[in-house]
PDB file of N, CA and C in Angstrom:
ATOM      1  N   MET A   1     -30.185  28.559 -24.174  1.00  0.00           N
ATOM      2  CA  MET A   1     -30.295  27.628 -25.282  1.00  0.00           C
ATOM      3  C   MET A   1     -30.512  26.228 -24.707  1.00  0.00           C
ATOM      4  N   THR A   2     -31.450  25.516 -25.278  1.00  0.00           N
ATOM      5  CA  THR A   2     -31.748  24.175 -24.788  1.00  0.00           C
ATOM      6  C   THR A   2     -30.705  23.177 -25.290  1.00  0.00           C
ATOM      7  N   LYS A   3     -30.654  22.034 -24.638  1.00  0.00           N
ATOM      8  CA  LYS A   3     -29.717  20.987 -25.071  1.00  0.00           C
ATOM      9  C   LYS A   3     -30.040  20.531 -26.487  1.00  0.00           C
ATOM     10  N   ARG A   4     -31.329  20.502 -26.817  1.00  0.00           N
ATOM     11  CA  ARG A   4     -31.718  20.084 -28.164  1.00  0.00           C
ATOM     12  C   ARG A   4     -31.190  21.085 -29.187  1.00  0.00           C
ATOM     13  N   ASN A   5     -31.349  22.376 -28.907  1.00  0.00           N
ATOM     14  CA  ASN A   5     -30.842  23.388 -29.837  1.00  0.00           C
ATOM     15  C   ASN A   5     -29.325  23.318 -29.950  1.00  0.00           C
ATOM     16  N   GLN A   6     -28.651  23.050 -28.836  1.00  0.00           N
ATOM     17  CA  GLN A   6     -27.195  22.898 -28.867  1.00  0.00           C
ATOM     18  C   GLN A   6     -26.796  21.709 -29.733  1.00  0.00           C
ATOM     19  N   ALA A   7     -27.529  20.623 -29.611  1.00  0.00           N
ATOM     20  CA  ALA A   7     -27.239  19.423 -30.408  1.00  0.00           C
ATOM     21  C   ALA A   7     -27.469  19.690 -31.889  1.00  0.00           C
ATOM     22  N   VAL A   8     -28.543  20.401 -32.213  1.00  0.00           N
ATOM     23  CA  VAL A   8     -28.825  20.744 -33.611  1.00  0.00           C
ATOM     24  C   VAL A   8     -27.712  21.626 -34.153  1.00  0.00           C
ATOM     25  N   GLY A   9     -27.296  22.614 -33.371  1.00  0.00           N
ATOM     26  CA  GLY A   9     -26.219  23.504 -33.803  1.00  0.00           C
ATOM     27  C   GLY A   9     -24.907  22.763 -34.002  1.00  0.00           C
ATOM     28  N   ALA A  10     -24.581  21.875 -33.085  1.00  0.00           N
ATOM     29  CA  ALA A  10     -23.338  21.102 -33.201  1.00  0.00           C
ATOM     30  C   ALA A  10     -23.366  20.203 -34.436  1.00  0.00           C
ATOM     31  N   TYR A  11     -24.522  19.584 -34.692  1.00  0.00           N
ATOM     32  CA  TYR A  11     -24.653  18.742 -35.880  1.00  0.00           C
ATOM     33  C   TYR A  11     -24.491  19.590 -37.145  1.00  0.00           C
ATOM     34  N   GLY A  12     -25.116  20.753 -37.155  1.00  0.00           N
ATOM     35  CA  GLY A  12     -24.994  21.658 -38.301  1.00  0.00           C
ATOM     36  C   GLY A  12     -23.549  22.066 -38.545  1.00  0.00           C
ATOM     37  N   GLU A  13     -22.802  22.325 -37.478  1.00  0.00           N
ATOM     38  CA  GLU A  13     -21.399  22.687 -37.638  1.00  0.00           C
ATOM     39  C   GLU A  13     -20.585  21.531 -38.211  1.00  0.00           C
ATOM     40  N   ARG A  14     -20.892  20.311 -37.781  1.00  0.00           N
ATOM     41  CA  ARG A  14     -20.184  19.147 -38.354  1.00  0.00           C
ATOM     42  C   ARG A  14     -20.504  19.007 -39.843  1.00  0.00           C
ATOM     43  N   CYS A  15     -21.763  19.211 -40.216  1.00  0.00           N
ATOM     44  CA  CYS A  15     -22.147  19.144 -41.637  1.00  0.00           C
ATOM     45  C   CYS A  15     -21.430  20.234 -42.430  1.00  0.00           C
ATOM     46  N   ALA A  16     -21.368  21.434 -41.864  1.00  0.00           N
ATOM     47  CA  ALA A  16     -20.704  22.552 -42.532  1.00  0.00           C
ATOM     48  C   ALA A  16     -19.213  22.267 -42.706  1.00  0.00           C
ATOM     49  N   LEU A  17     -18.589  21.699 -41.676  1.00  0.00           N
ATOM     50  CA  LEU A  17     -17.169  21.380 -41.753  1.00  0.00           C
ATOM     51  C   LEU A  17     -16.898  20.355 -42.857  1.00  0.00           C
ATOM     52  N   ARG A  18     -17.723  19.309 -42.928  1.00  0.00           N
ATOM     53  CA  ARG A  18     -17.572  18.311 -44.003  1.00  0.00           C
ATOM     54  C   ARG A  18     -17.721  18.968 -45.375  1.00  0.00           C
ATOM     55  N   HIS A  19     -18.673  19.878 -45.481  1.00  0.00           N
ATOM     56  CA  HIS A  19     -18.889  20.589 -46.752  1.00  0.00           C
ATOM     57  C   HIS A  19     -17.637  21.384 -47.127  1.00  0.00           C
ATOM     58  N   LEU A  20     -17.087  22.126 -46.164  1.00  0.00           N
ATOM     59  CA  LEU A  20     -15.907  22.947 -46.450  1.00  0.00           C
ATOM     60  C   LEU A  20     -14.724  22.081 -46.881  1.00  0.00           C
ATOM     61  N   ILE A  21     -14.496  20.999 -46.169  1.00  0.00           N
ATOM     62  CA  ILE A  21     -13.388  20.097 -46.517  1.00  0.00           C
ATOM     63  C   ILE A  21     -13.611  19.517 -47.913  1.00  0.00           C
ATOM     64  N   GLY A  22     -14.849  19.125 -48.206  1.00  0.00           N
ATOM     65  CA  GLY A  22     -15.172  18.603 -49.532  1.00  0.00           C
ATOM     66  C   GLY A  22     -14.972  19.625 -50.639  1.00  0.00           C
ATOM     67  N   ALA A  23     -15.090  20.914 -50.288  1.00  0.00           N
ATOM     68  CA  ALA A  23     -14.905  21.986 -51.265  1.00  0.00           C
ATOM     69  C   ALA A  23     -13.441  22.414 -51.358  1.00  0.00           C
ATOM     70  N   GLY A  24     -12.568  21.738 -50.604  1.00  0.00           N
ATOM     71  CA  GLY A  24     -11.142  22.015 -50.702  1.00  0.00           C
ATOM     72  C   GLY A  24     -10.596  23.013 -49.694  1.00  0.00           C
ATOM     73  N   LEU A  25     -11.408  23.489 -48.758  1.00  0.00           N
ATOM     74  CA  LEU A  25     -10.902  24.395 -47.735  1.00  0.00           C
ATOM     75  C   LEU A  25     -10.178  23.588 -46.669  1.00  0.00           C
ATOM     76  N   ARG A  26      -9.215  24.221 -45.998  1.00  0.00           N
ATOM     77  CA  ARG A  26      -8.448  23.557 -44.942  1.00  0.00           C
ATOM     78  C   ARG A  26      -8.742  24.233 -43.611  1.00  0.00           C
ATOM     79  N   PRO A  27      -9.523  23.596 -42.759  1.00  0.00           N
ATOM     80  CA  PRO A  27      -9.850  24.184 -41.455  1.00  0.00           C
ATOM     81  C   PRO A  27      -8.605  24.340 -40.584  1.00  0.00           C
ATOM     82  N   ILE A  28      -8.519  25.471 -39.883  1.00  0.00           N
ATOM     83  CA  ILE A  28      -7.407  25.677 -38.958  1.00  0.00           C
ATOM     84  C   ILE A  28      -7.891  25.924 -37.536  1.00  0.00           C
ATOM     85  N   ALA A  29      -9.179  26.218 -37.367  1.00  0.00           N
ATOM     86  CA  ALA A  29      -9.734  26.396 -36.017  1.00  0.00           C
ATOM     87  C   ALA A  29     -11.237  26.166 -36.058  1.00  0.00           C
ATOM     88  N   ARG A  30     -11.733  25.603 -34.946  1.00  0.00           N
ATOM     89  CA  ARG A  30     -13.184  25.399 -34.772  1.00  0.00           C
ATOM     90  C   ARG A  30     -13.579  25.937 -33.418  1.00  0.00           C
ATOM     91  N   ASN A  31     -14.705  26.620 -33.381  1.00  0.00           N
ATOM     92  CA  ASN A  31     -15.263  27.133 -32.134  1.00  0.00           C
ATOM     93  C   ASN A  31     -14.232  27.927 -31.328  1.00  0.00           C
ATOM     94  N   TRP A  32     -13.519  28.827 -32.023  1.00  0.00           N
ATOM     95  CA  TRP A  32     -12.555  29.683 -31.337  1.00  0.00           C
ATOM     96  C   TRP A  32     -13.322  30.685 -30.487  1.00  0.00           C
ATOM     97  N   ARG A  33     -12.959  30.732 -29.218  1.00  0.00           N
ATOM     98  CA  ARG A  33     -13.679  31.594 -28.280  1.00  0.00           C
ATOM     99  C   ARG A  33     -12.739  32.582 -27.599  1.00  0.00           C
ATOM    100  N   CYS A  34     -13.308  33.736 -27.295  1.00  0.00           N
ATOM    101  CA  CYS A  34     -12.665  34.733 -26.466  1.00  0.00           C
ATOM    102  C   CYS A  34     -13.791  35.394 -25.665  1.00  0.00           C
ATOM    103  N   PRO A  35     -13.486  36.306 -24.755  1.00  0.00           N
ATOM    104  CA  PRO A  35     -14.558  36.925 -23.971  1.00  0.00           C
ATOM    105  C   PRO A  35     -15.615  37.654 -24.799  1.00  0.00           C
ATOM    106  N   ASP A  36     -15.263  38.049 -26.023  1.00  0.00           N
ATOM    107  CA  ASP A  36     -16.205  38.806 -26.858  1.00  0.00           C
ATOM    108  C   ASP A  36     -17.121  37.939 -27.708  1.00  0.00           C
ATOM    109  N   GLY A  37     -16.840  36.641 -27.813  1.00  0.00           N
ATOM    110  CA  GLY A  37     -17.694  35.777 -28.626  1.00  0.00           C
ATOM    111  C   GLY A  37     -16.956  34.589 -29.191  1.00  0.00           C
ATOM    112  N   GLU A  38     -17.525  34.044 -30.262  1.00  0.00           N
ATOM    113  CA  GLU A  38     -17.011  32.804 -30.855  1.00  0.00           C
ATOM    114  C   GLU A  38     -17.054  32.877 -32.372  1.00  0.00           C
ATOM    115  N   ILE A  39     -16.034  32.291 -32.992  1.00  0.00           N
ATOM    116  CA  ILE A  39     -16.026  32.085 -34.441  1.00  0.00           C
ATOM    117  C   ILE A  39     -16.196  30.591 -34.655  1.00  0.00           C
ATOM    118  N   ASP A  40     -17.186  30.214 -35.473  1.00  0.00           N
ATOM    119  CA  ASP A  40     -17.499  28.797 -35.647  1.00  0.00           C
ATOM    120  C   ASP A  40     -16.372  28.029 -36.334  1.00  0.00           C
ATOM    121  N   ILE A  41     -15.958  28.502 -37.502  1.00  0.00           N
ATOM    122  CA  ILE A  41     -14.915  27.795 -38.260  1.00  0.00           C
ATOM    123  C   ILE A  41     -14.015  28.835 -38.927  1.00  0.00           C
ATOM    124  N   ILE A  42     -12.713  28.584 -38.854  1.00  0.00           N
ATOM    125  CA  ILE A  42     -11.737  29.407 -39.575  1.00  0.00           C
ATOM    126  C   ILE A  42     -10.992  28.450 -40.488  1.00  0.00           C
ATOM    127  N   ALA A  43     -10.901  28.806 -41.780  1.00  0.00           N
ATOM    128  CA  ALA A  43     -10.302  27.875 -42.742  1.00  0.00           C
ATOM    129  C   ALA A  43      -9.546  28.628 -43.832  1.00  0.00           C
ATOM    130  N   TRP A  44      -8.531  27.969 -44.336  1.00  0.00           N
ATOM    131  CA  TRP A  44      -7.815  28.481 -45.508  1.00  0.00           C
ATOM    132  C   TRP A  44      -8.574  28.069 -46.763  1.00  0.00           C
ATOM    133  N   ASP A  45      -8.763  29.012 -47.653  1.00  0.00           N
ATOM    134  CA  ASP A  45      -9.289  28.736 -48.993  1.00  0.00           C
ATOM    135  C   ASP A  45      -8.236  29.260 -49.951  1.00  0.00           C
ATOM    136  N   GLY A  46      -7.253  28.416 -50.230  1.00  0.00           N
ATOM    137  CA  GLY A  46      -6.082  28.875 -50.966  1.00  0.00           C
ATOM    138  C   GLY A  46      -5.354  29.889 -50.098  1.00  0.00           C
ATOM    139  N   PRO A  47      -5.063  31.096 -50.635  1.00  0.00           N
ATOM    140  CA  PRO A  47      -4.352  32.105 -49.851  1.00  0.00           C
ATOM    141  C   PRO A  47      -5.274  32.961 -48.965  1.00  0.00           C
ATOM    142  N   VAL A  48      -6.554  32.664 -48.979  1.00  0.00           N
ATOM    143  CA  VAL A  48      -7.556  33.464 -48.265  1.00  0.00           C
ATOM    144  C   VAL A  48      -7.952  32.766 -46.969  1.00  0.00           C
ATOM    145  N   ILE A  49      -8.040  33.534 -45.885  1.00  0.00           N
ATOM    146  CA  ILE A  49      -8.592  32.988 -44.647  1.00  0.00           C
ATOM    147  C   ILE A  49     -10.083  33.297 -44.634  1.00  0.00           C
ATOM    148  N   ALA A  50     -10.881  32.252 -44.487  1.00  0.00           N
ATOM    149  CA  ALA A  50     -12.335  32.403 -44.431  1.00  0.00           C
ATOM    150  C   ALA A  50     -12.794  32.230 -42.988  1.00  0.00           C
ATOM    151  N   PHE A  51     -13.464  33.253 -42.475  1.00  0.00           N
ATOM    152  CA  PHE A  51     -14.088  33.190 -41.156  1.00  0.00           C
ATOM    153  C   PHE A  51     -15.539  32.810 -41.405  1.00  0.00           C
ATOM    154  N   CYS A  52     -15.934  31.655 -40.903  1.00  0.00           N
ATOM    155  CA  CYS A  52     -17.225  31.076 -41.264  1.00  0.00           C
ATOM    156  C   CYS A  52     -18.200  31.072 -40.096  1.00  0.00           C
ATOM    157  N   GLU A  53     -19.367  31.608 -40.347  1.00  0.00           N
ATOM    158  CA  GLU A  53     -20.468  31.557 -39.386  1.00  0.00           C
ATOM    159  C   GLU A  53     -21.431  30.483 -39.863  1.00  0.00           C
ATOM    160  N   VAL A  54     -21.776  29.563 -38.978  1.00  0.00           N
ATOM    161  CA  VAL A  54     -22.681  28.471 -39.321  1.00  0.00           C
ATOM    162  C   VAL A  54     -24.021  28.716 -38.636  1.00  0.00           C
ATOM    163  N   LYS A  55     -25.084  28.667 -39.421  1.00  0.00           N
ATOM    164  CA  LYS A  55     -26.434  28.791 -38.878  1.00  0.00           C
ATOM    165  C   LYS A  55     -27.232  27.584 -39.343  1.00  0.00           C
ATOM    166  N   THR A  56     -27.893  26.936 -38.397  1.00  0.00           N
ATOM    167  CA  THR A  56     -28.632  25.711 -38.686  1.00  0.00           C
ATOM    168  C   THR A  56     -30.087  25.899 -38.297  1.00  0.00           C
ATOM    169  N   ARG A  57     -30.983  25.426 -39.156  1.00  0.00           N
ATOM    170  CA  ARG A  57     -32.416  25.491 -38.872  1.00  0.00           C
ATOM    171  C   ARG A  57     -33.064  24.161 -39.252  1.00  0.00           C
ATOM    172  N   ARG A  58     -34.038  23.777 -38.428  1.00  0.00           N
ATOM    173  CA  ARG A  58     -34.819  22.573 -38.730  1.00  0.00           C
ATOM    174  C   ARG A  58     -36.064  22.922 -39.527  1.00  0.00           C
ATOM    175  N   THR A  59     -36.569  24.145 -39.348  1.00  0.00           N
ATOM    176  CA  THR A  59     -37.765  24.593 -40.058  1.00  0.00           C
ATOM    177  C   THR A  59     -37.514  25.996 -40.589  1.00  0.00           C
ATOM    178  N   GLY A  60     -38.425  26.467 -41.409  1.00  0.00           N
ATOM    179  CA  GLY A  60     -38.353  27.828 -41.914  1.00  0.00           C
ATOM    180  C   GLY A  60     -39.179  28.800 -41.094  1.00  0.00           C
ATOM    181  N   GLU A  61     -39.649  28.340 -39.936  1.00  0.00           N
ATOM    182  CA  GLU A  61     -40.541  29.147 -39.098  1.00  0.00           C
ATOM    183  C   GLU A  61     -39.947  30.503 -38.722  1.00  0.00           C
ATOM    184  N   PHE A  62     -38.633  30.556 -38.512  1.00  0.00           N
ATOM    185  CA  PHE A  62     -37.988  31.797 -38.112  1.00  0.00           C
ATOM    186  C   PHE A  62     -37.112  32.365 -39.221  1.00  0.00           C
ATOM    187  N   GLY A  63     -37.399  32.015 -40.471  1.00  0.00           N
ATOM    188  CA  GLY A  63     -36.615  32.492 -41.600  1.00  0.00           C
ATOM    189  C   GLY A  63     -35.531  31.497 -41.974  1.00  0.00           C
ATOM    190  N   THR A  64     -34.784  31.860 -42.985  1.00  0.00           N
ATOM    191  CA  THR A  64     -33.714  30.989 -43.444  1.00  0.00           C
ATOM    192  C   THR A  64     -32.527  31.098 -42.493  1.00  0.00           C
ATOM    193  N   PRO A  65     -31.661  30.109 -42.507  1.00  0.00           N
ATOM    194  CA  PRO A  65     -30.484  30.189 -41.633  1.00  0.00           C
ATOM    195  C   PRO A  65     -29.633  31.429 -41.920  1.00  0.00           C
ATOM    196  N   ALA A  66     -29.435  31.747 -43.192  1.00  0.00           N
ATOM    197  CA  ALA A  66     -28.587  32.892 -43.546  1.00  0.00           C
ATOM    198  C   ALA A  66     -29.181  34.210 -43.060  1.00  0.00           C
ATOM    199  N   GLU A  67     -30.497  34.300 -42.985  1.00  0.00           N
ATOM    200  CA  GLU A  67     -31.141  35.530 -42.515  1.00  0.00           C
ATOM    201  C   GLU A  67     -30.845  35.808 -41.043  1.00  0.00           C
ATOM    202  N   ALA A  68     -30.380  34.809 -40.321  1.00  0.00           N
ATOM    203  CA  ALA A  68     -30.062  34.979 -38.898  1.00  0.00           C
ATOM    204  C   ALA A  68     -28.762  35.756 -38.689  1.00  0.00           C
ATOM    205  N   VAL A  69     -27.986  35.931 -39.748  1.00  0.00           N
ATOM    206  CA  VAL A  69     -26.745  36.707 -39.639  1.00  0.00           C
ATOM    207  C   VAL A  69     -27.087  38.162 -39.961  1.00  0.00           C
ATOM    208  N   VAL A  70     -27.486  38.867 -38.921  1.00  0.00           N
ATOM    209  CA  VAL A  70     -27.913  40.265 -39.036  1.00  0.00           C
ATOM    210  C   VAL A  70     -26.687  41.180 -38.970  1.00  0.00           C
ATOM    211  N   PRO A  71     -26.828  42.457 -39.344  1.00  0.00           N
ATOM    212  CA  PRO A  71     -25.673  43.369 -39.340  1.00  0.00           C
ATOM    213  C   PRO A  71     -24.911  43.416 -38.012  1.00  0.00           C
ATOM    214  N   ARG A  72     -25.610  43.354 -36.910  1.00  0.00           N
ATOM    215  CA  ARG A  72     -24.932  43.367 -35.603  1.00  0.00           C
ATOM    216  C   ARG A  72     -24.010  42.152 -35.454  1.00  0.00           C
ATOM    217  N   LYS A  73     -24.491  40.993 -35.872  1.00  0.00           N
ATOM    218  CA  LYS A  73     -23.691  39.759 -35.807  1.00  0.00           C
ATOM    219  C   LYS A  73     -22.483  39.879 -36.735  1.00  0.00           C
ATOM    220  N   ALA A  74     -22.683  40.431 -37.920  1.00  0.00           N
ATOM    221  CA  ALA A  74     -21.583  40.600 -38.871  1.00  0.00           C
ATOM    222  C   ALA A  74     -20.503  41.521 -38.286  1.00  0.00           C
ATOM    223  N   ARG A  75     -20.913  42.610 -37.641  1.00  0.00           N
ATOM    224  CA  ARG A  75     -19.938  43.519 -37.018  1.00  0.00           C
ATOM    225  C   ARG A  75     -19.144  42.798 -35.928  1.00  0.00           C
ATOM    226  N   ARG A  76     -19.830  42.018 -35.115  1.00  0.00           N
ATOM    227  CA  ARG A  76     -19.148  41.286 -34.050  1.00  0.00           C
ATOM    228  C   ARG A  76     -18.138  40.304 -34.643  1.00  0.00           C
ATOM    229  N   LEU A  77     -18.524  39.600 -35.707  1.00  0.00           N
ATOM    230  CA  LEU A  77     -17.615  38.635 -36.328  1.00  0.00           C
ATOM    231  C   LEU A  77     -16.381  39.317 -36.916  1.00  0.00           C
ATOM    232  N   ARG A  78     -16.556  40.499 -37.470  1.00  0.00           N
ATOM    233  CA  ARG A  78     -15.393  41.232 -37.991  1.00  0.00           C
ATOM    234  C   ARG A  78     -14.414  41.546 -36.863  1.00  0.00           C
ATOM    235  N   GLY A  79     -14.950  41.983 -35.733  1.00  0.00           N
ATOM    236  CA  GLY A  79     -14.096  42.275 -34.582  1.00  0.00           C
ATOM    237  C   GLY A  79     -13.403  41.034 -34.052  1.00  0.00           C
ATOM    238  N   LEU A  80     -14.136  39.933 -33.981  1.00  0.00           N
ATOM    239  CA  LEU A  80     -13.547  38.672 -33.525  1.00  0.00           C
ATOM    240  C   LEU A  80     -12.440  38.224 -34.474  1.00  0.00           C
ATOM    241  N   ALA A  81     -12.669  38.386 -35.780  1.00  0.00           N
ATOM    242  CA  ALA A  81     -11.653  37.990 -36.766  1.00  0.00           C
ATOM    243  C   ALA A  81     -10.387  38.825 -36.589  1.00  0.00           C
ATOM    244  N   ALA A  82     -10.545  40.121 -36.366  1.00  0.00           N
ATOM    245  CA  ALA A  82      -9.378  40.983 -36.152  1.00  0.00           C
ATOM    246  C   ALA A  82      -8.618  40.534 -34.910  1.00  0.00           C
ATOM    247  N   ARG A  83      -9.346  40.192 -33.868  1.00  0.00           N
ATOM    248  CA  ARG A  83      -8.694  39.727 -32.632  1.00  0.00           C
ATOM    249  C   ARG A  83      -7.970  38.403 -32.864  1.00  0.00           C
ATOM    250  N   TRP A  84      -8.623  37.463 -33.590  1.00  0.00           N
ATOM    251  CA  TRP A  84      -7.987  36.176 -33.854  1.00  0.00           C
ATOM    252  C   TRP A  84      -6.709  36.373 -34.655  1.00  0.00           C
ATOM    253  N   LEU A  85      -6.760  37.220 -35.682  1.00  0.00           N
ATOM    254  CA  LEU A  85      -5.580  37.464 -36.504  1.00  0.00           C
ATOM    255  C   LEU A  85      -4.440  38.035 -35.657  1.00  0.00           C
ATOM    256  N   ALA A  86      -4.759  38.986 -34.783  1.00  0.00           N
ATOM    257  CA  ALA A  86      -3.740  39.601 -33.938  1.00  0.00           C
ATOM    258  C   ALA A  86      -3.147  38.579 -32.957  1.00  0.00           C
ATOM    259  N   GLU A  87      -3.992  37.755 -32.373  1.00  0.00           N
ATOM    260  CA  GLU A  87      -3.521  36.795 -31.374  1.00  0.00           C
ATOM    261  C   GLU A  87      -2.820  35.587 -31.987  1.00  0.00           C
ATOM    262  N   SER A  88      -3.246  35.186 -33.183  1.00  0.00           N
ATOM    263  CA  SER A  88      -2.683  33.976 -33.791  1.00  0.00           C
ATOM    264  C   SER A  88      -1.349  34.237 -34.483  1.00  0.00           C
ATOM    265  N   GLY A  89      -1.149  35.465 -34.916  1.00  0.00           N
ATOM    266  CA  GLY A  89       0.059  35.777 -35.668  1.00  0.00           C
ATOM    267  C   GLY A  89       0.017  35.302 -37.106  1.00  0.00           C
ATOM    268  N   VAL A  90      -1.127  34.782 -37.527  1.00  0.00           N
ATOM    269  CA  VAL A  90      -1.277  34.313 -38.903  1.00  0.00           C
ATOM    270  C   VAL A  90      -1.399  35.522 -39.827  1.00  0.00           C
ATOM    271  N   ASN A  91      -0.670  35.485 -40.928  1.00  0.00           N
ATOM    272  CA  ASN A  91      -0.750  36.541 -41.930  1.00  0.00           C
ATOM    273  C   ASN A  91      -1.461  36.009 -43.155  1.00  0.00           C
ATOM    274  N   ALA A  92      -2.408  36.782 -43.637  1.00  0.00           N
ATOM    275  CA  ALA A  92      -3.133  36.394 -44.850  1.00  0.00           C
ATOM    276  C   ALA A  92      -3.215  37.602 -45.767  1.00  0.00           C
ATOM    277  N   ASP A  93      -3.089  37.349 -47.053  1.00  0.00           N
ATOM    278  CA  ASP A  93      -3.227  38.432 -48.020  1.00  0.00           C
ATOM    279  C   ASP A  93      -4.661  38.947 -48.067  1.00  0.00           C
ATOM    280  N   GLU A  94      -5.591  38.048 -47.779  1.00  0.00           N
ATOM    281  CA  GLU A  94      -7.002  38.409 -47.884  1.00  0.00           C
ATOM    282  C   GLU A  94      -7.796  37.610 -46.860  1.00  0.00           C
ATOM    283  N   VAL A  95      -8.840  38.251 -46.318  1.00  0.00           N
ATOM    284  CA  VAL A  95      -9.775  37.542 -45.445  1.00  0.00           C
ATOM    285  C   VAL A  95     -11.165  37.656 -46.052  1.00  0.00           C
ATOM    286  N   ARG A  96     -11.991  36.700 -45.684  1.00  0.00           N
ATOM    287  CA  ARG A  96     -13.349  36.652 -46.224  1.00  0.00           C
ATOM    288  C   ARG A  96     -14.272  36.181 -45.116  1.00  0.00           C
ATOM    289  N   PHE A  97     -15.516  36.640 -45.166  1.00  0.00           N
ATOM    290  CA  PHE A  97     -16.509  36.220 -44.186  1.00  0.00           C
ATOM    291  C   PHE A  97     -17.600  35.447 -44.913  1.00  0.00           C
ATOM    292  N   ASP A  98     -17.722  34.178 -44.552  1.00  0.00           N
ATOM    293  CA  ASP A  98     -18.686  33.281 -45.191  1.00  0.00           C
ATOM    294  C   ASP A  98     -19.785  32.907 -44.215  1.00  0.00           C
ATOM    295  N   VAL A  99     -20.926  32.560 -44.776  1.00  0.00           N
ATOM    296  CA  VAL A  99     -22.017  31.995 -43.987  1.00  0.00           C
ATOM    297  C   VAL A  99     -22.322  30.620 -44.558  1.00  0.00           C
ATOM    298  N   LEU A 100     -22.420  29.647 -43.669  1.00  0.00           N
ATOM    299  CA  LEU A 100     -22.857  28.316 -44.075  1.00  0.00           C
ATOM    300  C   LEU A 100     -24.236  28.102 -43.471  1.00  0.00           C
ATOM    301  N   ALA A 101     -25.231  28.072 -44.338  1.00  0.00           N
ATOM    302  CA  ALA A 101     -26.618  27.904 -43.922  1.00  0.00           C
ATOM    303  C   ALA A 101     -26.975  26.428 -44.052  1.00  0.00           C
ATOM    304  N   VAL A 102     -27.278  25.817 -42.921  1.00  0.00           N
ATOM    305  CA  VAL A 102     -27.567  24.381 -42.897  1.00  0.00           C
ATOM    306  C   VAL A 102     -29.043  24.184 -42.585  1.00  0.00           C
ATOM    307  N   ARG A 103     -29.709  23.461 -43.456  1.00  0.00           N
ATOM    308  CA  ARG A 103     -31.117  23.115 -43.233  1.00  0.00           C
ATOM    309  C   ARG A 103     -31.210  21.619 -42.981  1.00  0.00           C
ATOM    310  N   LEU A 104     -32.022  21.274 -41.993  1.00  0.00           N
ATOM    311  CA  LEU A 104     -32.179  19.870 -41.628  1.00  0.00           C
ATOM    312  C   LEU A 104     -33.617  19.439 -41.903  1.00  0.00           C
ATOM    313  N   PRO A 105     -33.896  19.016 -43.142  1.00  0.00           N
ATOM    314  CA  PRO A 105     -35.257  18.589 -43.460  1.00  0.00           C
ATOM    315  C   PRO A 105     -35.608  17.288 -42.745  1.00  0.00           C
ATOM    316  N   VAL A 106     -36.863  17.118 -42.459  1.00  0.00           N
ATOM    317  CA  VAL A 106     -37.319  15.900 -41.798  1.00  0.00           C
ATOM    318  C   VAL A 106     -37.106  14.720 -42.743  1.00  0.00           C
ATOM    319  N   GLY A 107     -36.405  13.707 -42.273  1.00  0.00           N
ATOM    320  CA  GLY A 107     -36.240  12.484 -43.041  1.00  0.00           C
ATOM    321  C   GLY A 107     -35.295  12.567 -44.211  1.00  0.00           C
ATOM    322  N   GLY A 108     -34.497  13.607 -44.286  1.00  0.00           N
ATOM    323  CA  GLY A 108     -33.568  13.701 -45.405  1.00  0.00           C
ATOM    324  C   GLY A 108     -32.213  14.185 -44.942  1.00  0.00           C
ATOM    325  N   PRO A 109     -31.248  14.207 -45.854  1.00  0.00           N
ATOM    326  CA  PRO A 109     -29.910  14.654 -45.483  1.00  0.00           C
ATOM    327  C   PRO A 109     -29.865  16.172 -45.286  1.00  0.00           C
ATOM    328  N   ALA A 110     -28.884  16.622 -44.556  1.00  0.00           N
ATOM    329  CA  ALA A 110     -28.686  18.055 -44.346  1.00  0.00           C
ATOM    330  C   ALA A 110     -28.361  18.725 -45.676  1.00  0.00           C
ATOM    331  N   LEU A 111     -28.873  19.932 -45.831  1.00  0.00           N
ATOM    332  CA  LEU A 111     -28.601  20.733 -47.023  1.00  0.00           C
ATOM    333  C   LEU A 111     -27.734  21.910 -46.594  1.00  0.00           C
ATOM    334  N   VAL A 112     -26.561  22.050 -47.219  1.00  0.00           N
ATOM    335  CA  VAL A 112     -25.635  23.110 -46.843  1.00  0.00           C
ATOM    336  C   VAL A 112     -25.494  24.092 -48.002  1.00  0.00           C
ATOM    337  N   GLU A 113     -25.755  25.355 -47.701  1.00  0.00           N
ATOM    338  CA  GLU A 113     -25.546  26.440 -48.666  1.00  0.00           C
ATOM    339  C   GLU A 113     -24.356  27.250 -48.172  1.00  0.00           C
ATOM    340  N   HIS A 114     -23.337  27.381 -48.992  1.00  0.00           N
ATOM    341  CA  HIS A 114     -22.122  28.114 -48.635  1.00  0.00           C
ATOM    342  C   HIS A 114     -22.138  29.453 -49.360  1.00  0.00           C
ATOM    343  N   VAL A 115     -22.306  30.517 -48.583  1.00  0.00           N
ATOM    344  CA  VAL A 115     -22.325  31.879 -49.146  1.00  0.00           C
ATOM    345  C   VAL A 115     -20.957  32.492 -48.886  1.00  0.00           C
ATOM    346  N   LYS A 116     -20.130  32.520 -49.922  1.00  0.00           N
ATOM    347  CA  LYS A 116     -18.782  33.100 -49.798  1.00  0.00           C
ATOM    348  C   LYS A 116     -18.878  34.617 -49.848  1.00  0.00           C
ATOM    349  N   GLY A 117     -18.118  35.271 -48.990  1.00  0.00           N
ATOM    350  CA  GLY A 117     -18.123  36.731 -48.971  1.00  0.00           C
ATOM    351  C   GLY A 117     -19.490  37.301 -48.631  1.00  0.00           C
ATOM    352  N   ALA A 118     -20.151  36.707 -47.668  1.00  0.00           N
ATOM    353  CA  ALA A 118     -21.525  37.084 -47.328  1.00  0.00           C
ATOM    354  C   ALA A 118     -21.616  38.519 -46.795  1.00  0.00           C
ATOM    355  N   PHE A 119     -20.555  38.986 -46.154  1.00  0.00           N
ATOM    356  CA  PHE A 119     -20.553  40.368 -45.640  1.00  0.00           C
ATOM    357  C   PHE A 119     -19.140  40.860 -45.506  1.00  0.00           C
TER     358      PHE A 119
END
């Protein structure tokens, strides 16, 4: 991954985090990593823990940001969430997997689409 792509991704994650906070979610972890991968954002949405995958795109050349979350990625995120829950000791009545699709149009503000329960 190039430095430019890393910068775009980091900016998209900051936009997604602001969106979640504005929607009333309470972040509890960002960029949680283990040997198996990374979870972008973990947040409380009332009594529900939301595991959030953030995808950012500058153009539509490779599809929409949400389309980048393919079944293989969803399976990996489920496994990562189970590991985080086991390691953190946090108990939740319900968990949810969200996708935050961030588009960065030229000359305009970031557009964030929050897909709750995406998979």
